[in-house]
Amino acid sequence: RGPPVIDSTEGFYVVVRTRVGSHRLVLGAEVDSAKKHKEGQGGSMRADYVELKTSRLMDTAMQVERFERDKLVKWWAQSYPVGVQNIIVGFRDDEGRVQKVQEMKTQSLPKHVAGKSHAW
């Protein structure tokens, strides 16, 4: 028996109710992964959502700036409102092979670019 087959057409969706001021919102999003763990005395379950991303390895300061200015803001906007706490990024070479994996905390992405000329 071989390893389990991964079906990239399967999706995991989350629906979140929230408020912005006096406005009630219902947000829906596709997320890549969720791991559940026990929390609290009653054994209630809470999901930790994880988003998986890839990006090209960066060789120059300009590439880093574009990554921080363009990609991070999109990743944050996709992940933060629906409670995705972690983004795992595979940095790939020009042949598409992942050379480095980095975990980023969604909540810390704005702080990552704060104070830079390209901050959002």
N, C-alpha and C. Protein backbone atom coordinates (compact mmCIF):
# COMPACT_ATOMS: atom_id res chain seq x y z
N ARG A 1 0.84 -1.18 0.00
CA ARG A 1 0.00 0.00 0.00
C ARG A 1 0.89 1.24 0.00
N GLY A 2 0.68 2.14 -0.94
CA GLY A 2 1.50 3.34 -1.08
C GLY A 2 1.03 4.50 -0.23
N PRO A 3 1.70 5.63 -0.36
CA PRO A 3 1.31 6.82 0.40
C PRO A 3 -0.07 7.32 -0.04
N PRO A 4 -0.76 8.07 0.82
CA PRO A 4 -2.08 8.57 0.44
C PRO A 4 -2.00 9.51 -0.76
N VAL A 5 -3.00 9.47 -1.59
CA VAL A 5 -3.05 10.32 -2.76
C VAL A 5 -3.61 11.68 -2.35
N ILE A 6 -2.96 12.74 -2.81
CA ILE A 6 -3.41 14.10 -2.51
C ILE A 6 -4.27 14.58 -3.66
N ASP A 7 -5.47 15.02 -3.36
CA ASP A 7 -6.39 15.53 -4.37
C ASP A 7 -6.41 17.05 -4.28
N SER A 8 -5.78 17.72 -5.23
CA SER A 8 -5.68 19.19 -5.18
C SER A 8 -7.00 19.87 -5.53
N THR A 9 -8.01 19.11 -5.93
CA THR A 9 -9.30 19.72 -6.24
C THR A 9 -10.19 19.81 -5.01
N GLU A 10 -9.83 19.14 -3.93
CA GLU A 10 -10.62 19.23 -2.71
C GLU A 10 -10.40 20.59 -2.06
N GLY A 11 -11.43 21.08 -1.41
CA GLY A 11 -11.32 22.38 -0.76
C GLY A 11 -11.77 22.31 0.68
N PHE A 12 -11.29 23.24 1.46
CA PHE A 12 -11.70 23.39 2.85
C PHE A 12 -12.16 24.82 2.98
N TYR A 13 -13.40 25.01 3.41
CA TYR A 13 -13.98 26.34 3.46
C TYR A 13 -14.36 26.70 4.88
N VAL A 14 -14.23 27.98 5.19
CA VAL A 14 -14.57 28.48 6.51
C VAL A 14 -15.52 29.66 6.33
N VAL A 15 -16.49 29.75 7.22
CA VAL A 15 -17.42 30.88 7.26
C VAL A 15 -17.31 31.51 8.64
N VAL A 16 -17.13 32.82 8.67
CA VAL A 16 -16.90 33.54 9.92
C VAL A 16 -17.91 34.68 10.02
N ARG A 17 -18.50 34.82 11.20
CA ARG A 17 -19.35 35.99 11.47
C ARG A 17 -18.53 36.97 12.30
N THR A 18 -18.62 38.25 11.93
CA THR A 18 -17.85 39.27 12.64
C THR A 18 -18.57 40.60 12.54
N ARG A 19 -17.99 41.61 13.16
CA ARG A 19 -18.54 42.96 13.09
C ARG A 19 -17.43 43.95 12.79
N VAL A 20 -17.78 44.98 12.07
CA VAL A 20 -16.93 46.14 11.89
C VAL A 20 -17.80 47.33 12.30
N GLY A 21 -17.50 47.87 13.47
CA GLY A 21 -18.37 48.90 14.02
C GLY A 21 -19.75 48.34 14.25
N SER A 22 -20.77 48.99 13.69
CA SER A 22 -22.14 48.51 13.85
C SER A 22 -22.57 47.58 12.72
N HIS A 23 -21.68 47.29 11.80
CA HIS A 23 -22.00 46.45 10.64
C HIS A 23 -21.67 44.99 10.92
N ARG A 24 -22.63 44.13 10.69
CA ARG A 24 -22.42 42.69 10.82
C ARG A 24 -21.98 42.14 9.48
N LEU A 25 -20.97 41.27 9.51
CA LEU A 25 -20.45 40.68 8.29
C LEU A 25 -20.41 39.17 8.40
N VAL A 26 -20.62 38.52 7.28
CA VAL A 26 -20.38 37.09 7.16
C VAL A 26 -19.35 36.93 6.06
N LEU A 27 -18.22 36.35 6.40
CA LEU A 27 -17.12 36.18 5.46
C LEU A 27 -16.91 34.70 5.17
N GLY A 28 -16.63 34.39 3.94
CA GLY A 28 -16.32 33.02 3.57
C GLY A 28 -14.98 32.99 2.85
N ALA A 29 -14.24 31.93 3.07
CA ALA A 29 -12.93 31.82 2.43
C ALA A 29 -12.54 30.36 2.29
N GLU A 30 -11.73 30.10 1.28
CA GLU A 30 -11.12 28.79 1.11
C GLU A 30 -9.78 28.85 1.82
N VAL A 31 -9.52 27.86 2.66
CA VAL A 31 -8.23 27.78 3.34
C VAL A 31 -7.59 26.45 2.98
N ASP A 32 -6.27 26.41 3.10
CA ASP A 32 -5.54 25.22 2.66
C ASP A 32 -5.51 24.11 3.68
N SER A 33 -5.56 24.46 4.96
CA SER A 33 -5.42 23.44 5.98
C SER A 33 -6.02 23.91 7.29
N ALA A 34 -6.42 22.95 8.08
CA ALA A 34 -6.88 23.25 9.43
C ALA A 34 -6.47 22.10 10.32
N LYS A 35 -5.90 22.44 11.44
CA LYS A 35 -5.58 21.41 12.42
C LYS A 35 -6.36 21.75 13.69
N LYS A 36 -6.98 20.75 14.26
CA LYS A 36 -7.80 20.97 15.44
C LYS A 36 -7.03 20.57 16.69
N HIS A 37 -7.30 21.27 17.75
CA HIS A 37 -6.70 20.90 19.02
C HIS A 37 -7.70 21.22 20.12
N LYS A 38 -7.56 20.53 21.23
CA LYS A 38 -8.47 20.76 22.35
C LYS A 38 -8.12 22.06 23.03
N GLU A 39 -9.16 22.71 23.50
CA GLU A 39 -8.96 23.98 24.18
C GLU A 39 -10.01 24.11 25.27
N GLY A 40 -9.63 24.57 26.42
CA GLY A 40 -10.59 24.82 27.49
C GLY A 40 -10.95 23.59 28.28
N GLN A 41 -11.62 23.82 29.39
CA GLN A 41 -11.98 22.73 30.30
C GLN A 41 -13.03 21.80 29.71
N GLY A 42 -13.93 22.34 28.91
CA GLY A 42 -14.99 21.52 28.34
C GLY A 42 -14.54 20.68 27.17
N GLY A 43 -13.27 20.79 26.80
CA GLY A 43 -12.76 20.02 25.67
C GLY A 43 -13.27 20.54 24.34
N SER A 44 -13.67 21.82 24.32
CA SER A 44 -14.16 22.39 23.06
C SER A 44 -13.02 22.39 22.03
N MET A 45 -13.42 22.27 20.77
CA MET A 45 -12.44 22.21 19.69
C MET A 45 -12.38 23.55 18.96
N ARG A 46 -11.19 23.92 18.59
CA ARG A 46 -10.97 25.13 17.81
C ARG A 46 -10.00 24.79 16.69
N ALA A 47 -10.25 25.31 15.51
CA ALA A 47 -9.37 25.02 14.38
C ALA A 47 -8.30 26.09 14.25
N ASP A 48 -7.09 25.66 13.98
CA ASP A 48 -6.01 26.57 13.60
C ASP A 48 -5.90 26.48 12.09
N TYR A 49 -6.28 27.55 11.41
CA TYR A 49 -6.23 27.56 9.95
C TYR A 49 -4.83 27.90 9.48
N VAL A 50 -4.41 27.26 8.41
CA VAL A 50 -3.07 27.47 7.85
C VAL A 50 -3.21 27.68 6.35
N GLU A 51 -2.54 28.69 5.85
CA GLU A 51 -2.51 28.95 4.41
C GLU A 51 -1.14 28.55 3.89
N LEU A 52 -1.10 27.92 2.72
CA LEU A 52 0.15 27.51 2.09
C LEU A 52 0.39 28.38 0.86
N LYS A 53 1.58 28.93 0.76
CA LYS A 53 1.92 29.82 -0.35
C LYS A 53 3.29 29.45 -0.89
N THR A 54 3.53 29.83 -2.14
CA THR A 54 4.88 29.73 -2.70
C THR A 54 5.26 31.08 -3.28
N SER A 55 6.54 31.33 -3.30
CA SER A 55 7.07 32.56 -3.88
C SER A 55 8.49 32.28 -4.36
N ARG A 56 8.90 33.02 -5.35
CA ARG A 56 10.26 32.85 -5.87
C ARG A 56 11.27 33.36 -4.85
N LEU A 57 12.40 32.68 -4.78
CA LEU A 57 13.50 33.17 -3.95
C LEU A 57 13.87 34.58 -4.40
N MET A 58 14.23 35.42 -3.46
CA MET A 58 14.54 36.81 -3.78
C MET A 58 16.05 37.03 -3.72
N ASP A 59 16.57 37.66 -4.77
CA ASP A 59 18.01 37.89 -4.89
C ASP A 59 18.40 39.35 -4.71
N THR A 60 17.45 40.25 -4.86
CA THR A 60 17.78 41.68 -4.82
C THR A 60 16.87 42.41 -3.83
N ALA A 61 17.31 43.59 -3.42
CA ALA A 61 16.52 44.42 -2.51
C ALA A 61 15.19 44.81 -3.16
N MET A 62 15.19 45.04 -4.46
CA MET A 62 13.95 45.40 -5.17
C MET A 62 12.95 44.25 -5.13
N GLN A 63 13.41 43.02 -5.29
CA GLN A 63 12.51 41.87 -5.21
C GLN A 63 11.92 41.74 -3.81
N VAL A 64 12.74 41.97 -2.78
CA VAL A 64 12.24 41.92 -1.40
C VAL A 64 11.19 43.01 -1.20
N GLU A 65 11.45 44.20 -1.70
CA GLU A 65 10.50 45.30 -1.55
C GLU A 65 9.17 44.97 -2.22
N ARG A 66 9.22 44.44 -3.44
CA ARG A 66 7.98 44.07 -4.14
C ARG A 66 7.23 42.97 -3.39
N PHE A 67 7.97 42.00 -2.86
CA PHE A 67 7.35 40.92 -2.08
C PHE A 67 6.63 41.51 -0.87
N GLU A 68 7.31 42.37 -0.13
CA GLU A 68 6.72 42.95 1.07
C GLU A 68 5.55 43.88 0.73
N ARG A 69 5.67 44.63 -0.33
CA ARG A 69 4.64 45.60 -0.70
C ARG A 69 3.42 44.93 -1.34
N ASP A 70 3.65 43.98 -2.24
CA ASP A 70 2.56 43.43 -3.04
C ASP A 70 2.01 42.11 -2.51
N LYS A 71 2.88 41.17 -2.21
CA LYS A 71 2.40 39.85 -1.81
C LYS A 71 1.93 39.81 -0.37
N LEU A 72 2.71 40.38 0.54
CA LEU A 72 2.34 40.28 1.94
C LEU A 72 0.99 40.92 2.23
N VAL A 73 0.69 42.05 1.61
CA VAL A 73 -0.59 42.70 1.86
C VAL A 73 -1.74 41.83 1.35
N LYS A 74 -1.56 41.18 0.20
CA LYS A 74 -2.60 40.29 -0.32
C LYS A 74 -2.78 39.08 0.59
N TRP A 75 -1.68 38.51 1.03
CA TRP A 75 -1.77 37.35 1.92
C TRP A 75 -2.45 37.72 3.23
N TRP A 76 -2.10 38.89 3.78
CA TRP A 76 -2.72 39.34 5.02
C TRP A 76 -4.22 39.56 4.81
N ALA A 77 -4.61 40.24 3.73
CA ALA A 77 -6.02 40.53 3.46
C ALA A 77 -6.83 39.26 3.24
N GLN A 78 -6.22 38.24 2.70
CA GLN A 78 -6.91 36.97 2.49
C GLN A 78 -7.03 36.18 3.79
N SER A 79 -6.04 36.29 4.64
CA SER A 79 -5.95 35.41 5.81
C SER A 79 -6.49 36.00 7.10
N TYR A 80 -6.17 37.23 7.39
CA TYR A 80 -6.50 37.81 8.69
C TYR A 80 -8.01 37.85 8.99
N PRO A 81 -8.86 38.33 8.06
CA PRO A 81 -10.28 38.46 8.40
C PRO A 81 -10.98 37.15 8.76
N VAL A 82 -10.49 36.02 8.27
CA VAL A 82 -11.15 34.75 8.56
C VAL A 82 -10.39 33.92 9.60
N GLY A 83 -9.39 34.51 10.23
CA GLY A 83 -8.74 33.84 11.35
C GLY A 83 -7.61 32.89 11.01
N VAL A 84 -7.05 33.00 9.81
CA VAL A 84 -5.87 32.18 9.48
C VAL A 84 -4.70 32.75 10.27
N GLN A 85 -4.15 31.94 11.16
CA GLN A 85 -3.11 32.42 12.05
C GLN A 85 -1.71 32.27 11.48
N ASN A 86 -1.50 31.29 10.62
CA ASN A 86 -0.17 31.00 10.10
C ASN A 86 -0.19 30.85 8.59
N ILE A 87 0.84 31.38 7.96
CA ILE A 87 1.05 31.21 6.53
C ILE A 87 2.40 30.52 6.37
N ILE A 88 2.39 29.38 5.71
CA ILE A 88 3.64 28.65 5.46
C ILE A 88 4.03 28.91 4.01
N VAL A 89 5.23 29.46 3.84
CA VAL A 89 5.69 29.86 2.52
C VAL A 89 6.85 28.97 2.08
N GLY A 90 6.73 28.43 0.88
CA GLY A 90 7.83 27.70 0.26
C GLY A 90 8.47 28.62 -0.77
N PHE A 91 9.73 28.98 -0.54
CA PHE A 91 10.45 29.83 -1.48
C PHE A 91 11.13 28.91 -2.50
N ARG A 92 10.81 29.12 -3.78
CA ARG A 92 11.23 28.22 -4.84
C ARG A 92 12.28 28.86 -5.74
N ASP A 93 13.05 27.99 -6.40
CA ASP A 93 14.01 28.47 -7.38
C ASP A 93 13.33 28.58 -8.74
N ASP A 94 14.09 28.94 -9.77
CA ASP A 94 13.50 29.12 -11.10
C ASP A 94 13.02 27.82 -11.73
N GLU A 95 13.46 26.69 -11.21
CA GLU A 95 12.98 25.39 -11.69
C GLU A 95 11.73 24.93 -10.94
N GLY A 96 11.29 25.72 -9.96
CA GLY A 96 10.08 25.38 -9.22
C GLY A 96 10.31 24.52 -7.99
N ARG A 97 11.57 24.26 -7.64
CA ARG A 97 11.87 23.44 -6.47
C ARG A 97 11.96 24.32 -5.23
N VAL A 98 11.26 23.91 -4.20
CA VAL A 98 11.27 24.67 -2.94
C VAL A 98 12.64 24.52 -2.29
N GLN A 99 13.26 25.65 -2.01
CA GLN A 99 14.60 25.67 -1.41
C GLN A 99 14.56 26.06 0.07
N LYS A 100 13.51 26.74 0.47
CA LYS A 100 13.42 27.24 1.85
C LYS A 100 11.95 27.30 2.24
N VAL A 101 11.65 26.92 3.48
CA VAL A 101 10.29 27.00 4.00
C VAL A 101 10.32 27.92 5.21
N GLN A 102 9.36 28.84 5.25
CA GLN A 102 9.29 29.79 6.35
C GLN A 102 7.85 29.91 6.81
N GLU A 103 7.64 29.90 8.11
CA GLU A 103 6.31 30.11 8.67
C GLU A 103 6.18 31.56 9.10
N MET A 104 5.08 32.19 8.68
CA MET A 104 4.84 33.59 9.02
C MET A 104 3.55 33.67 9.82
N LYS A 105 3.55 34.48 10.85
CA LYS A 105 2.35 34.73 11.64
C LYS A 105 1.56 35.84 10.93
N THR A 106 0.33 35.55 10.58
CA THR A 106 -0.50 36.51 9.85
C THR A 106 -0.58 37.84 10.59
N GLN A 107 -0.76 37.77 11.87
CA GLN A 107 -0.92 38.98 12.68
C GLN A 107 0.32 39.88 12.63
N SER A 108 1.49 39.31 12.40
CA SER A 108 2.73 40.11 12.42
C SER A 108 3.10 40.69 11.06
N LEU A 109 2.37 40.37 10.00
CA LEU A 109 2.74 40.86 8.67
C LEU A 109 2.76 42.39 8.58
N PRO A 110 1.76 43.11 9.12
CA PRO A 110 1.85 44.58 9.06
C PRO A 110 3.07 45.12 9.79
N LYS A 111 3.46 44.51 10.89
CA LYS A 111 4.64 44.96 11.63
C LYS A 111 5.91 44.72 10.83
N HIS A 112 5.89 43.69 9.99
CA HIS A 112 7.06 43.33 9.19
C HIS A 112 7.46 44.46 8.23
N VAL A 113 6.46 45.20 7.73
CA VAL A 113 6.75 46.27 6.78
C VAL A 113 6.61 47.66 7.39
N ALA A 114 6.18 47.74 8.63
CA ALA A 114 5.99 49.04 9.29
C ALA A 114 7.27 49.85 9.26
N GLY A 115 7.14 51.12 8.96
CA GLY A 115 8.29 52.02 8.95
C GLY A 115 9.09 52.01 7.67
N LYS A 116 8.78 51.10 6.76
CA LYS A 116 9.50 51.06 5.47
C LYS A 116 8.77 51.95 4.47
N SER A 117 9.49 52.41 3.47
CA SER A 117 8.89 53.32 2.49
C SER A 117 7.73 52.69 1.73
N HIS A 118 7.71 51.39 1.63
CA HIS A 118 6.65 50.68 0.91
C HIS A 118 5.62 50.07 1.85
N ALA A 119 5.57 50.55 3.10
CA ALA A 119 4.61 50.01 4.08
C ALA A 119 3.20 50.22 3.61
N TRP A 120 2.34 49.32 3.97
CA TRP A 120 0.93 49.43 3.63
C TRP A 120 0.19 49.60 4.92
